[in-house]
Amino acid sequence: MNKIKNQQNPNQNNKPIQESKPVTKPKTLIEYLETIKDHRRGQGRMHSLPTVLLVILMATMSGCFGQRATGDFVKRHHEELIKALQPKNNKLPSRPTITRVIQNLDFDEFSGVFFSWAKTIVPIEDKDWFAVDGKGIRGTVSDASTAKQRYTNLVSLFSQKTKQILTQGKVRDKSNEIPMVVQLVEQLGLNGLVITADALHCQKGTARAVIKSGNDYVLGAKHNQPKLYTRLKKTPETPVPSIAT
């Protein structure tokens, strides 16, 4: 048997046989959620933090926003959730438990972990277009009676092909979208994309960040950049393909 194993195929030019590398299995969402620190007291932790967070994510992705709606989601889908999650003692987190977790959750850490996982499952191809999109959250407006209203704004990188959000950040003021977009681009960790944004982000810093990340950009230009806008108006319009052949 040893002789047979040590014989070499004459057609292989006496080159050693290279063993194929094992395929690395991608991490699951639960494994990503396990990296988030649990700030709850050790006493009375009936449900693991990843399980509670997964329930919150499933409810939110089903259109159930807020603590009460998430609690109702758990009641409506009790049997399915028990079967899928197999929680300890077949008990799911109650609404008070969900409320406590939401109130003490670090949004930046949570969203960072979630979108790190999302980047592994969202189908992305070379030269895919992603749009920068900022949306105000209803119910977060302060100084509503004045011209200088403040509200929480979510800034996202949105796939124009798959209609999926790749990454997201939260800001308190509309003007803070600019540094947030730069931060999202720098943390993206992907290249070969085309990132589009409106005239608010027609800034040198944004353009530099996109180029440095190995991506391309398409930015709108308005009168907020008067010199650039004037030069663009004087430039003849010439159709140019977005991808060279």
C-alpha atoms as a PDB file:
ATOM      1  CA  MET A   1       0.000   0.000   0.000  1.00  0.00           C
ATOM      2  CA  ASN A   2       2.842   2.423   0.822  1.00  0.00           C
ATOM      3  CA  LYS A   3       4.506   1.723  -2.505  1.00  0.00           C
ATOM      4  CA  ILE A   4       1.328   2.524  -4.358  1.00  0.00           C
ATOM      5  CA  LYS A   5       0.871   5.800  -2.440  1.00  0.00           C
ATOM      6  CA  ASN A   6       4.424   6.920  -3.102  1.00  0.00           C
ATOM      7  CA  GLN A   7       4.354   6.243  -6.839  1.00  0.00           C
ATOM      8  CA  GLN A   8       4.243   9.387  -8.990  1.00  0.00           C
ATOM      9  CA  ASN A   9       2.268   9.844 -12.147  1.00  0.00           C
ATOM     10  CA  PRO A  10       4.785  10.191 -15.021  1.00  0.00           C
ATOM     11  CA  ASN A  11       2.586  12.831 -16.611  1.00  0.00           C
ATOM     12  CA  GLN A  12       3.080  15.158 -13.637  1.00  0.00           C
ATOM     13  CA  ASN A  13       6.757  15.919 -14.419  1.00  0.00           C
ATOM     14  CA  ASN A  14       7.754  14.834 -10.919  1.00  0.00           C
ATOM     15  CA  LYS A  15       6.039  17.868  -9.399  1.00  0.00           C
ATOM     16  CA  PRO A  16       4.701  17.431  -5.864  1.00  0.00           C
ATOM     17  CA  ILE A  17       0.965  17.164  -5.537  1.00  0.00           C
ATOM     18  CA  GLN A  18      -0.490  20.384  -4.122  1.00  0.00           C
ATOM     19  CA  GLU A  19      -3.298  19.934  -1.667  1.00  0.00           C
ATOM     20  CA  SER A  20      -6.328  22.136  -2.222  1.00  0.00           C
ATOM     21  CA  LYS A  21      -6.930  24.763   0.440  1.00  0.00           C
ATOM     22  CA  PRO A  22     -10.000  24.227   2.595  1.00  0.00           C
ATOM     23  CA  VAL A  23     -12.882  26.547   1.798  1.00  0.00           C
ATOM     24  CA  THR A  24     -13.498  28.994   4.630  1.00  0.00           C
ATOM     25  CA  LYS A  25     -17.115  28.951   5.691  1.00  0.00           C
ATOM     26  CA  PRO A  26     -18.549  32.475   6.036  1.00  0.00           C
ATOM     27  CA  LYS A  27     -19.536  33.593   9.521  1.00  0.00           C
ATOM     28  CA  THR A  28     -23.223  33.539  10.350  1.00  0.00           C
ATOM     29  CA  LEU A  29     -25.139  36.576  11.565  1.00  0.00           C
ATOM     30  CA  ILE A  30     -25.311  35.050  15.046  1.00  0.00           C
ATOM     31  CA  GLU A  31     -21.500  34.772  15.116  1.00  0.00           C
ATOM     32  CA  TYR A  32     -21.226  38.456  14.204  1.00  0.00           C
ATOM     33  CA  LEU A  33     -23.766  39.414  16.894  1.00  0.00           C
ATOM     34  CA  GLU A  34     -21.794  37.455  19.491  1.00  0.00           C
ATOM     35  CA  THR A  35     -19.004  40.051  19.216  1.00  0.00           C
ATOM     36  CA  ILE A  36     -21.253  42.750  20.742  1.00  0.00           C
ATOM     37  CA  LYS A  37     -20.638  43.272  24.443  1.00  0.00           C
ATOM     38  CA  ASP A  38     -23.579  42.468  26.694  1.00  0.00           C
ATOM     39  CA  HIS A  39     -23.989  45.298  29.223  1.00  0.00           C
ATOM     40  CA  ARG A  40     -26.783  43.567  31.127  1.00  0.00           C
ATOM     41  CA  ARG A  41     -26.209  42.282  34.628  1.00  0.00           C
ATOM     42  CA  GLY A  42     -25.291  38.625  34.787  1.00  0.00           C
ATOM     43  CA  GLN A  43     -28.205  37.854  37.101  1.00  0.00           C
ATOM     44  CA  GLY A  44     -31.437  37.078  35.304  1.00  0.00           C
ATOM     45  CA  ARG A  45     -30.076  36.775  31.763  1.00  0.00           C
ATOM     46  CA  MET A  46     -32.588  34.254  30.509  1.00  0.00           C
ATOM     47  CA  HIS A  47     -31.916  35.020  26.831  1.00  0.00           C
ATOM     48  CA  SER A  48     -28.557  35.480  25.157  1.00  0.00           C
ATOM     49  CA  LEU A  49     -27.917  38.911  23.664  1.00  0.00           C
ATOM     50  CA  PRO A  50     -27.454  37.552  20.095  1.00  0.00           C
ATOM     51  CA  THR A  51     -30.889  35.890  20.301  1.00  0.00           C
ATOM     52  CA  VAL A  52     -32.585  39.108  21.424  1.00  0.00           C
ATOM     53  CA  LEU A  53     -30.775  41.145  18.756  1.00  0.00           C
ATOM     54  CA  LEU A  54     -31.700  38.628  16.072  1.00  0.00           C
ATOM     55  CA  VAL A  55     -35.374  38.874  17.069  1.00  0.00           C
ATOM     56  CA  ILE A  56     -35.147  42.695  16.886  1.00  0.00           C
ATOM     57  CA  LEU A  57     -33.551  42.499  13.438  1.00  0.00           C
ATOM     58  CA  MET A  58     -36.155  40.055  12.135  1.00  0.00           C
ATOM     59  CA  ALA A  59     -38.976  42.248  13.425  1.00  0.00           C
ATOM     60  CA  THR A  60     -37.463  45.398  11.927  1.00  0.00           C
ATOM     61  CA  MET A  61     -36.877  43.743   8.553  1.00  0.00           C
ATOM     62  CA  SER A  62     -40.527  42.649   8.636  1.00  0.00           C
ATOM     63  CA  GLY A  63     -41.662  46.261   9.051  1.00  0.00           C
ATOM     64  CA  CYS A  64     -42.194  46.201  12.824  1.00  0.00           C
ATOM     65  CA  PHE A  65     -40.545  49.322  14.227  1.00  0.00           C
ATOM     66  CA  GLY A  66     -40.321  50.066  17.937  1.00  0.00           C
ATOM     67  CA  GLN A  67     -40.560  48.122  21.154  1.00  0.00           C
ATOM     68  CA  ARG A  68     -44.308  47.471  21.132  1.00  0.00           C
ATOM     69  CA  ALA A  69     -44.317  46.392  17.467  1.00  0.00           C
ATOM     70  CA  THR A  70     -41.370  44.045  18.110  1.00  0.00           C
ATOM     71  CA  GLY A  71     -43.225  42.492  21.049  1.00  0.00           C
ATOM     72  CA  ASP A  72     -46.286  41.951  18.847  1.00  0.00           C
ATOM     73  CA  PHE A  73     -44.040  40.374  16.195  1.00  0.00           C
ATOM     74  CA  VAL A  74     -42.818  37.826  18.739  1.00  0.00           C
ATOM     75  CA  LYS A  75     -46.400  36.939  19.719  1.00  0.00           C
ATOM     76  CA  ARG A  76     -47.579  36.543  16.111  1.00  0.00           C
ATOM     77  CA  HIS A  77     -44.664  34.343  15.075  1.00  0.00           C
ATOM     78  CA  HIS A  78     -44.114  32.524  18.355  1.00  0.00           C
ATOM     79  CA  GLU A  79     -44.120  28.964  16.996  1.00  0.00           C
ATOM     80  CA  GLU A  80     -41.952  29.784  13.973  1.00  0.00           C
ATOM     81  CA  LEU A  81     -39.403  31.612  16.126  1.00  0.00           C
ATOM     82  CA  ILE A  82     -39.246  28.746  18.645  1.00  0.00           C
ATOM     83  CA  LYS A  83     -38.587  26.299  15.824  1.00  0.00           C
ATOM     84  CA  ALA A  84     -35.960  28.484  14.123  1.00  0.00           C
ATOM     85  CA  LEU A  85     -34.076  29.824  17.159  1.00  0.00           C
ATOM     86  CA  GLN A  86     -34.525  26.895  19.565  1.00  0.00           C
ATOM     87  CA  PRO A  87     -34.202  29.155  22.630  1.00  0.00           C
ATOM     88  CA  LYS A  88     -33.495  27.900  26.113  1.00  0.00           C
ATOM     89  CA  ASN A  89     -36.605  26.296  27.703  1.00  0.00           C
ATOM     90  CA  ASN A  90     -38.499  27.212  24.503  1.00  0.00           C
ATOM     91  CA  LYS A  91     -39.003  30.739  25.805  1.00  0.00           C
ATOM     92  CA  LEU A  92     -38.647  33.877  23.679  1.00  0.00           C
ATOM     93  CA  PRO A  93     -37.636  37.335  24.955  1.00  0.00           C
ATOM     94  CA  SER A  94     -40.567  39.329  26.326  1.00  0.00           C
ATOM     95  CA  ARG A  95     -41.322  42.933  25.418  1.00  0.00           C
ATOM     96  CA  PRO A  96     -39.716  44.289  28.645  1.00  0.00           C
ATOM     97  CA  THR A  97     -36.546  42.345  27.815  1.00  0.00           C
ATOM     98  CA  ILE A  98     -36.528  43.694  24.267  1.00  0.00           C
ATOM     99  CA  THR A  99     -37.105  47.215  25.616  1.00  0.00           C
ATOM    100  CA  ARG A 100     -34.153  46.999  28.022  1.00  0.00           C
ATOM    101  CA  VAL A 101     -31.843  45.733  25.284  1.00  0.00           C
ATOM    102  CA  ILE A 102     -32.906  48.460  22.829  1.00  0.00           C
ATOM    103  CA  GLN A 103     -32.505  51.216  25.420  1.00  0.00           C
ATOM    104  CA  ASN A 104     -28.955  50.165  26.338  1.00  0.00           C
ATOM    105  CA  LEU A 105     -27.802  49.226  22.841  1.00  0.00           C
ATOM    106  CA  ASP A 106     -24.881  51.068  21.247  1.00  0.00           C
ATOM    107  CA  PHE A 107     -26.316  51.927  17.832  1.00  0.00           C
ATOM    108  CA  ASP A 108     -22.937  52.503  16.171  1.00  0.00           C
ATOM    109  CA  GLU A 109     -21.541  49.197  17.395  1.00  0.00           C
ATOM    110  CA  PHE A 110     -24.711  47.309  16.483  1.00  0.00           C
ATOM    111  CA  SER A 111     -24.995  48.781  12.990  1.00  0.00           C
ATOM    112  CA  GLY A 112     -21.271  48.279  12.369  1.00  0.00           C
ATOM    113  CA  VAL A 113     -21.521  44.576  13.207  1.00  0.00           C
ATOM    114  CA  PHE A 114     -24.691  44.129  11.160  1.00  0.00           C
ATOM    115  CA  PHE A 115     -23.279  45.760   8.043  1.00  0.00           C
ATOM    116  CA  SER A 116     -20.016  43.836   8.384  1.00  0.00           C
ATOM    117  CA  TRP A 117     -22.177  40.738   7.993  1.00  0.00           C
ATOM    118  CA  ALA A 118     -24.305  42.323   5.252  1.00  0.00           C
ATOM    119  CA  LYS A 119     -21.241  42.914   3.073  1.00  0.00           C
ATOM    120  CA  THR A 120     -20.655  39.144   3.032  1.00  0.00           C
ATOM    121  CA  ILE A 121     -24.106  38.310   1.644  1.00  0.00           C
ATOM    122  CA  VAL A 122     -25.078  41.258  -0.557  1.00  0.00           C
ATOM    123  CA  PRO A 123     -24.167  40.308  -4.148  1.00  0.00           C
ATOM    124  CA  ILE A 124     -21.665  42.894  -5.416  1.00  0.00           C
ATOM    125  CA  GLU A 125     -20.055  42.949  -8.847  1.00  0.00           C
ATOM    126  CA  ASP A 126     -17.411  45.160 -10.389  1.00  0.00           C
ATOM    127  CA  LYS A 127     -18.728  48.601 -11.411  1.00  0.00           C
ATOM    128  CA  ASP A 128     -21.964  48.203  -9.436  1.00  0.00           C
ATOM    129  CA  TRP A 129     -23.559  51.558  -8.592  1.00  0.00           C
ATOM    130  CA  PHE A 130     -24.229  52.545  -4.986  1.00  0.00           C
ATOM    131  CA  ALA A 131     -26.120  55.694  -4.043  1.00  0.00           C
ATOM    132  CA  VAL A 132     -25.550  57.829  -0.962  1.00  0.00           C
ATOM    133  CA  ASP A 133     -28.953  58.447   0.581  1.00  0.00           C
ATOM    134  CA  GLY A 134     -29.867  60.425   3.702  1.00  0.00           C
ATOM    135  CA  LYS A 135     -33.256  60.026   5.385  1.00  0.00           C
ATOM    136  CA  GLY A 136     -34.615  61.800   8.455  1.00  0.00           C
ATOM    137  CA  ILE A 137     -36.190  59.632  11.166  1.00  0.00           C
ATOM    138  CA  ARG A 138     -39.757  60.545  12.000  1.00  0.00           C
ATOM    139  CA  GLY A 139     -40.308  61.640  15.572  1.00  0.00           C
ATOM    140  CA  THR A 140     -36.756  62.882  16.171  1.00  0.00           C
ATOM    141  CA  VAL A 141     -37.313  66.546  15.211  1.00  0.00           C
ATOM    142  CA  SER A 142     -36.441  69.219  17.749  1.00  0.00           C
ATOM    143  CA  ASP A 143     -37.017  72.973  17.388  1.00  0.00           C
ATOM    144  CA  ALA A 144     -39.818  72.166  14.969  1.00  0.00           C
ATOM    145  CA  SER A 145     -41.193  75.717  15.124  1.00  0.00           C
ATOM    146  CA  THR A 146     -37.922  77.290  13.974  1.00  0.00           C
ATOM    147  CA  ALA A 147     -36.066  77.396  10.673  1.00  0.00           C
ATOM    148  CA  LYS A 148     -33.132  75.536  12.255  1.00  0.00           C
ATOM    149  CA  GLN A 149     -34.810  72.209  12.845  1.00  0.00           C
ATOM    150  CA  ARG A 150     -32.672  69.355  14.123  1.00  0.00           C
ATOM    151  CA  TYR A 151     -33.421  65.695  13.597  1.00  0.00           C
ATOM    152  CA  THR A 152     -31.659  62.340  13.473  1.00  0.00           C
ATOM    153  CA  ASN A 153     -30.594  61.430   9.953  1.00  0.00           C
ATOM    154  CA  LEU A 154     -29.598  58.003   8.652  1.00  0.00           C
ATOM    155  CA  VAL A 155     -27.023  58.056   5.850  1.00  0.00           C
ATOM    156  CA  SER A 156     -26.872  54.894   3.743  1.00  0.00           C
ATOM    157  CA  LEU A 157     -24.956  53.373   0.858  1.00  0.00           C
ATOM    158  CA  PHE A 158     -27.723  51.822  -1.230  1.00  0.00           C
ATOM    159  CA  SER A 159     -27.278  49.291  -4.048  1.00  0.00           C
ATOM    160  CA  GLN A 160     -29.109  50.576  -7.104  1.00  0.00           C
ATOM    161  CA  LYS A 161     -29.207  47.060  -8.562  1.00  0.00           C
ATOM    162  CA  THR A 162     -30.313  44.890  -5.655  1.00  0.00           C
ATOM    163  CA  LYS A 163     -32.138  47.645  -3.681  1.00  0.00           C
ATOM    164  CA  GLN A 164     -30.198  46.684  -0.536  1.00  0.00           C
ATOM    165  CA  ILE A 165     -28.379  48.872   1.978  1.00  0.00           C
ATOM    166  CA  LEU A 166     -24.714  47.963   2.251  1.00  0.00           C
ATOM    167  CA  THR A 167     -23.759  50.182   5.193  1.00  0.00           C
ATOM    168  CA  GLN A 168     -25.280  52.995   7.233  1.00  0.00           C
ATOM    169  CA  GLY A 169     -24.424  55.730   9.728  1.00  0.00           C
ATOM    170  CA  LYS A 170     -26.383  58.067  12.018  1.00  0.00           C
ATOM    171  CA  VAL A 171     -25.977  61.846  12.314  1.00  0.00           C
ATOM    172  CA  ARG A 172     -27.857  64.498  14.248  1.00  0.00           C
ATOM    173  CA  ASP A 173     -27.643  67.331  11.736  1.00  0.00           C
ATOM    174  CA  LYS A 174     -28.028  67.451   7.935  1.00  0.00           C
ATOM    175  CA  SER A 175     -24.674  69.185   7.488  1.00  0.00           C
ATOM    176  CA  ASN A 176     -22.970  66.300   9.306  1.00  0.00           C
ATOM    177  CA  GLU A 177     -23.839  64.017   6.401  1.00  0.00           C
ATOM    178  CA  ILE A 178     -20.644  65.121   4.628  1.00  0.00           C
ATOM    179  CA  PRO A 179     -18.108  63.738   7.162  1.00  0.00           C
ATOM    180  CA  MET A 180     -20.339  60.684   7.699  1.00  0.00           C
ATOM    181  CA  VAL A 181     -20.227  59.810   3.987  1.00  0.00           C
ATOM    182  CA  VAL A 182     -16.425  60.119   4.028  1.00  0.00           C
ATOM    183  CA  GLN A 183     -16.325  57.820   7.060  1.00  0.00           C
ATOM    184  CA  LEU A 184     -18.610  55.237   5.429  1.00  0.00           C
ATOM    185  CA  VAL A 185     -16.512  55.215   2.246  1.00  0.00           C
ATOM    186  CA  GLU A 186     -13.270  54.835   4.218  1.00  0.00           C
ATOM    187  CA  GLN A 187     -14.713  51.938   6.220  1.00  0.00           C
ATOM    188  CA  LEU A 188     -16.319  50.245   3.220  1.00  0.00           C
ATOM    189  CA  GLY A 189     -13.422  47.921   2.455  1.00  0.00           C
ATOM    190  CA  LEU A 190     -14.568  47.384  -1.156  1.00  0.00           C
ATOM    191  CA  ASN A 191     -13.300  48.723  -4.461  1.00  0.00           C
ATOM    192  CA  GLY A 192     -14.395  48.847  -8.075  1.00  0.00           C
ATOM    193  CA  LEU A 193     -17.775  50.431  -7.250  1.00  0.00           C
ATOM    194  CA  VAL A 194     -19.375  53.599  -8.604  1.00  0.00           C
ATOM    195  CA  ILE A 195     -20.663  55.792  -5.762  1.00  0.00           C
ATOM    196  CA  THR A 196     -23.236  58.456  -6.564  1.00  0.00           C
ATOM    197  CA  ALA A 197     -24.301  61.382  -4.390  1.00  0.00           C
ATOM    198  CA  ASP A 198     -26.258  64.607  -4.684  1.00  0.00           C
ATOM    199  CA  ALA A 199     -24.861  68.143  -4.755  1.00  0.00           C
ATOM    200  CA  LEU A 200     -24.513  68.283  -0.961  1.00  0.00           C
ATOM    201  CA  HIS A 201     -21.589  65.872  -1.278  1.00  0.00           C
ATOM    202  CA  CYS A 202     -19.890  67.622  -4.174  1.00  0.00           C
ATOM    203  CA  GLN A 203     -16.874  68.211  -1.942  1.00  0.00           C
ATOM    204  CA  LYS A 204     -13.135  67.650  -2.416  1.00  0.00           C
ATOM    205  CA  GLY A 205     -12.978  65.554   0.734  1.00  0.00           C
ATOM    206  CA  THR A 206     -15.689  63.202  -0.503  1.00  0.00           C
ATOM    207  CA  ALA A 207     -14.062  62.834  -3.921  1.00  0.00           C
ATOM    208  CA  ARG A 208     -10.633  62.152  -2.380  1.00  0.00           C
ATOM    209  CA  ALA A 209     -12.069  59.515  -0.033  1.00  0.00           C
ATOM    210  CA  VAL A 210     -13.820  57.696  -2.891  1.00  0.00           C
ATOM    211  CA  ILE A 211     -10.686  57.714  -5.077  1.00  0.00           C
ATOM    212  CA  LYS A 212      -8.466  56.578  -2.182  1.00  0.00           C
ATOM    213  CA  SER A 213     -10.833  53.672  -1.496  1.00  0.00           C
ATOM    214  CA  GLY A 214     -10.380  52.426  -5.069  1.00  0.00           C
ATOM    215  CA  ASN A 215     -13.848  53.384  -6.262  1.00  0.00           C
ATOM    216  CA  ASP A 216     -15.278  55.886  -8.757  1.00  0.00           C
ATOM    217  CA  TYR A 217     -17.804  58.650  -8.119  1.00  0.00           C
ATOM    218  CA  VAL A 218     -20.616  60.521  -9.827  1.00  0.00           C
ATOM    219  CA  LEU A 219     -21.513  63.702  -7.934  1.00  0.00           C
ATOM    220  CA  GLY A 220     -24.217  66.227  -8.647  1.00  0.00           C
ATOM    221  CA  ALA A 221     -23.184  69.867  -8.919  1.00  0.00           C
ATOM    222  CA  LYS A 222     -25.325  72.931  -8.243  1.00  0.00           C
ATOM    223  CA  HIS A 223     -24.795  76.558  -7.304  1.00  0.00           C
ATOM    224  CA  ASN A 224     -23.296  75.514  -3.952  1.00  0.00           C
ATOM    225  CA  GLN A 225     -20.080  75.165  -5.987  1.00  0.00           C
ATOM    226  CA  PRO A 226     -20.361  78.316  -8.184  1.00  0.00           C
ATOM    227  CA  LYS A 227     -16.968  78.100  -9.927  1.00  0.00           C
ATOM    228  CA  LEU A 228     -17.312  74.403 -10.687  1.00  0.00           C
ATOM    229  CA  TYR A 229     -20.914  74.861 -11.784  1.00  0.00           C
ATOM    230  CA  THR A 230     -19.950  77.651 -14.204  1.00  0.00           C
ATOM    231  CA  ARG A 231     -17.140  75.538 -15.694  1.00  0.00           C
ATOM    232  CA  LEU A 232     -19.471  72.583 -16.140  1.00  0.00           C
ATOM    233  CA  LYS A 233     -22.099  74.720 -17.873  1.00  0.00           C
ATOM    234  CA  LYS A 234     -19.459  75.871 -20.368  1.00  0.00           C
ATOM    235  CA  THR A 235     -18.263  72.340 -21.062  1.00  0.00           C
ATOM    236  CA  PRO A 236     -19.804  70.759 -24.185  1.00  0.00           C
ATOM    237  CA  GLU A 237     -21.942  67.737 -23.429  1.00  0.00           C
ATOM    238  CA  THR A 238     -20.278  64.661 -24.930  1.00  0.00           C
ATOM    239  CA  PRO A 239     -21.772  61.182 -24.439  1.00  0.00           C
ATOM    240  CA  VAL A 240     -19.165  58.993 -22.766  1.00  0.00           C
ATOM    241  CA  PRO A 241     -19.766  55.327 -21.839  1.00  0.00           C
ATOM    242  CA  SER A 242     -19.542  54.654 -18.128  1.00  0.00           C
ATOM    243  CA  ILE A 243     -17.473  51.517 -18.757  1.00  0.00           C
ATOM    244  CA  ALA A 244     -14.675  51.452 -21.324  1.00  0.00           C
ATOM    245  CA  THR A 245     -14.724  48.571 -23.811  1.00  0.00           C
END
